[in-house]
């Protein structure tokens, strides 16, 4: 979960920096970075959920045997 939190923190930081950027190209770069960090966090959360579901299924099968 630390990875997801790190990605979310980086996304928030990029957004804060974009909000105070005075140059349009810098603002745009930071907004792209924000979107990328957010996408990475979403994917990492999906992986964690998939792993948890697979582990629960494995345990259920083991318990049923």
Protein backbone atom coordinates (compact mmCIF):
# COMPACT_ATOMS: atom_id res chain seq x y z
CA UNK A 1 0.00 0.00 0.00
CA UNK A 2 2.96 2.28 0.51
CA UNK A 3 3.50 2.41 -3.24
CA UNK A 4 -0.08 3.52 -3.89
CA UNK A 5 0.21 6.19 -1.21
CA UNK A 6 3.49 7.39 -2.72
CA UNK A 7 1.87 7.67 -6.16
CA UNK A 8 -1.10 9.58 -4.73
CA UNK A 9 1.22 11.95 -2.86
CA UNK A 10 3.21 12.62 -6.02
CA UNK A 11 -0.02 13.29 -7.95
CA UNK A 12 -1.15 15.76 -5.31
CA UNK A 13 2.25 17.45 -5.29
CA UNK A 14 2.21 17.80 -9.07
CA UNK A 15 -1.25 19.34 -8.91
CA UNK A 16 -0.21 21.82 -6.20
CA UNK A 17 2.82 22.83 -8.24
CA UNK A 18 0.69 23.16 -11.39
CA UNK A 19 -1.71 25.47 -9.57
CA UNK A 20 1.09 27.94 -8.79
CA UNK A 21 3.07 27.58 -12.03
CA UNK A 22 3.24 30.79 -14.02
CA UNK A 23 4.38 29.30 -17.32
CA UNK A 24 1.78 27.44 -19.37
CA UNK A 25 4.20 24.75 -20.53
CA UNK A 26 5.31 24.04 -16.96
CA UNK A 27 1.69 23.90 -15.81
CA UNK A 28 0.84 21.48 -18.62
CA UNK A 29 3.84 19.27 -17.84
CA UNK A 30 2.83 19.12 -14.18
CA UNK A 31 -0.77 18.28 -15.04
CA UNK A 32 0.41 15.47 -17.28
CA UNK A 33 2.60 14.24 -14.44
CA UNK A 34 -0.40 14.39 -12.09
CA UNK A 35 -2.46 12.30 -14.48
CA UNK A 36 0.36 9.80 -14.90
CA UNK A 37 0.88 9.41 -11.14
CA UNK A 38 -2.88 8.97 -10.67
CA UNK A 39 -3.01 6.32 -13.39
CA UNK A 40 -0.09 4.48 -11.80
CA UNK A 41 -1.83 4.58 -8.41
CA UNK A 42 -5.05 3.25 -9.91
CA UNK A 43 -3.19 0.40 -11.61
CA UNK A 44 -1.30 -0.44 -8.42
CA UNK A 45 -4.57 -0.56 -6.48
CA UNK A 46 -6.01 -2.88 -9.12
CA UNK A 47 -3.02 -5.19 -8.77
CA UNK A 48 -3.40 -5.24 -4.98
CA UNK A 49 -7.10 -6.07 -5.28
CA UNK A 50 -6.39 -8.82 -7.82
CA UNK A 51 -3.73 -10.33 -5.59
CA UNK A 52 -6.04 -10.24 -2.58
CA UNK A 53 -8.85 -11.89 -4.56
CA UNK A 54 -6.50 -14.59 -5.86
CA UNK A 55 -5.20 -15.25 -2.36
CA UNK A 56 -8.74 -15.47 -0.96
CA UNK A 57 -9.71 -17.90 -3.72
CA UNK A 58 -6.61 -19.99 -3.06
CA UNK A 59 -7.40 -20.13 0.66
CA UNK A 60 -11.02 -21.07 -0.06
CA UNK A 61 -9.91 -23.91 -2.30
CA UNK A 62 -7.40 -25.10 0.30
CA UNK A 63 -10.06 -24.99 3.03
CA UNK A 64 -12.52 -26.92 0.84
CA UNK A 65 -10.01 -29.70 0.26
